[in-house]
Structures are given as structure tokens and as C-alpha cells.
Amino acid sequence: MTETDSAPAFDRRMLEALICPQSQTTLSYDAERQELVSKAAGLAFPIRNGIPVMLVDEARVLD
């Protein structure tokens, strides 16, 4: 696999600086789904090309 075949990795240290834009609480990282999860808000924010998309409109509602 070449460098262009894989998406950039998410820097887990970024979690320390990010909070949920809706609940203002901390996030957890779901590596399998490539999402940042806010249990308080019931939302999962996607990580695209190594960059978290912290928009409520782009978040997936948790089951």
C-alpha cells in the first residue's frame, strides 16, 4: 500500500483540544468508524482525510 492509498491518520492528541460544539463536553475517538463521539449530545462527528468535521449538521445521531 502506498502513501496515497491510505487516508491521513487522525492525531489522537487533538482530542485534548476538541469539545462537542453542542454539549461542550469531551469526545471519545472511535477508530473503527473514524468518528469523534459525544455521548452527552448523542452525536458522532466524522473524521474525513484525518480532519474532524465538527459541524452538528454533519454529525450522525447515535442509536
C-alpha atoms as a PDB file:
ATOM      1  CA  MET A   1       0.000   0.000   0.000  1.00  0.00           C
ATOM      2  CA  THR A   2       1.378   3.412  -0.905  1.00  0.00           C
ATOM      3  CA  GLU A   3       1.009   6.642   0.983  1.00  0.00           C
ATOM      4  CA  THR A   4      -1.701   7.877  -1.401  1.00  0.00           C
ATOM      5  CA  ASP A   5      -3.774   4.691  -0.880  1.00  0.00           C
ATOM      6  CA  SER A   6      -4.475   5.383   2.782  1.00  0.00           C
ATOM      7  CA  ALA A   7      -6.237   8.311   4.391  1.00  0.00           C
ATOM      8  CA  PRO A   8      -4.191  10.516   6.710  1.00  0.00           C
ATOM      9  CA  ALA A   9      -4.261   9.270  10.283  1.00  0.00           C
ATOM     10  CA  PHE A  10      -6.169  11.187  12.932  1.00  0.00           C
ATOM     11  CA  ASP A  11      -3.887  12.685  15.571  1.00  0.00           C
ATOM     12  CA  ARG A  12      -5.359  11.443  18.856  1.00  0.00           C
ATOM     13  CA  ARG A  13      -3.666  14.308  20.728  1.00  0.00           C
ATOM     14  CA  MET A  14      -6.206  16.552  19.017  1.00  0.00           C
ATOM     15  CA  LEU A  15      -8.861  15.077  21.331  1.00  0.00           C
ATOM     16  CA  GLU A  16      -7.441  17.096  24.199  1.00  0.00           C
ATOM     17  CA  ALA A  17      -8.263  20.333  22.385  1.00  0.00           C
ATOM     18  CA  LEU A  18     -11.645  19.434  20.873  1.00  0.00           C
ATOM     19  CA  ILE A  19     -15.036  19.514  22.577  1.00  0.00           C
ATOM     20  CA  CYS A  20     -18.529  18.836  21.310  1.00  0.00           C
ATOM     21  CA  PRO A  21     -19.961  22.002  19.708  1.00  0.00           C
ATOM     22  CA  GLN A  22     -23.436  21.177  21.044  1.00  0.00           C
ATOM     23  CA  SER A  23     -22.883  19.918  24.605  1.00  0.00           C
ATOM     24  CA  GLN A  24     -19.436  21.447  25.296  1.00  0.00           C
ATOM     25  CA  THR A  25     -18.280  18.077  26.666  1.00  0.00           C
ATOM     26  CA  THR A  26     -15.286  15.898  25.859  1.00  0.00           C
ATOM     27  CA  LEU A  27     -15.268  13.499  22.920  1.00  0.00           C
ATOM     28  CA  SER A  28     -14.151   9.905  22.530  1.00  0.00           C
ATOM     29  CA  TYR A  29     -12.439   8.512  19.448  1.00  0.00           C
ATOM     30  CA  ASP A  30     -13.993   5.594  17.543  1.00  0.00           C
ATOM     31  CA  ALA A  31     -11.116   4.363  15.374  1.00  0.00           C
ATOM     32  CA  GLU A  32     -13.210   1.726  13.591  1.00  0.00           C
ATOM     33  CA  ARG A  33     -15.805   4.228  12.364  1.00  0.00           C
ATOM     34  CA  GLN A  34     -13.379   7.169  12.148  1.00  0.00           C
ATOM     35  CA  GLU A  35     -15.612   9.360  14.280  1.00  0.00           C
ATOM     36  CA  LEU A  36     -15.446  11.535  17.371  1.00  0.00           C
ATOM     37  CA  VAL A  37     -18.311  10.612  19.675  1.00  0.00           C
ATOM     38  CA  SER A  38     -20.177  12.899  22.050  1.00  0.00           C
ATOM     39  CA  LYS A  39     -22.193  10.670  24.367  1.00  0.00           C
ATOM     40  CA  ALA A  40     -23.716  13.727  26.066  1.00  0.00           C
ATOM     41  CA  ALA A  41     -25.144  15.047  22.791  1.00  0.00           C
ATOM     42  CA  GLY A  42     -25.786  11.628  21.244  1.00  0.00           C
ATOM     43  CA  LEU A  43     -23.780  12.575  18.152  1.00  0.00           C
ATOM     44  CA  ALA A  44     -20.816  11.190  16.235  1.00  0.00           C
ATOM     45  CA  PHE A  45     -18.715  13.620  14.206  1.00  0.00           C
ATOM     46  CA  PRO A  46     -16.963  12.206  11.123  1.00  0.00           C
ATOM     47  CA  ILE A  47     -13.229  12.369  10.512  1.00  0.00           C
ATOM     48  CA  ARG A  48     -12.527  12.929   6.826  1.00  0.00           C
ATOM     49  CA  ASN A  49      -8.977  12.752   5.474  1.00  0.00           C
ATOM     50  CA  GLY A  50      -7.657  12.985   9.026  1.00  0.00           C
ATOM     51  CA  ILE A  51      -9.669  16.136   9.791  1.00  0.00           C
ATOM     52  CA  PRO A  52     -12.592  16.129  12.253  1.00  0.00           C
ATOM     53  CA  VAL A  53     -15.752  17.713  10.859  1.00  0.00           C
ATOM     54  CA  MET A  54     -17.193  19.406  13.932  1.00  0.00           C
ATOM     55  CA  LEU A  55     -20.488  20.558  12.418  1.00  0.00           C
ATOM     56  CA  VAL A  56     -23.725  19.407  14.063  1.00  0.00           C
ATOM     57  CA  ASP A  57     -25.355  19.213  10.622  1.00  0.00           C
ATOM     58  CA  GLU A  58     -22.686  16.693   9.514  1.00  0.00           C
ATOM     59  CA  ALA A  59     -22.886  14.552  12.670  1.00  0.00           C
ATOM     60  CA  ARG A  60     -24.516  11.138  12.838  1.00  0.00           C
ATOM     61  CA  VAL A  61     -27.175  10.665  15.521  1.00  0.00           C
ATOM     62  CA  LEU A  62     -26.255   7.774  17.831  1.00  0.00           C
ATOM     63  CA  ASP A  63     -28.715   4.908  18.217  1.00  0.00           C
END
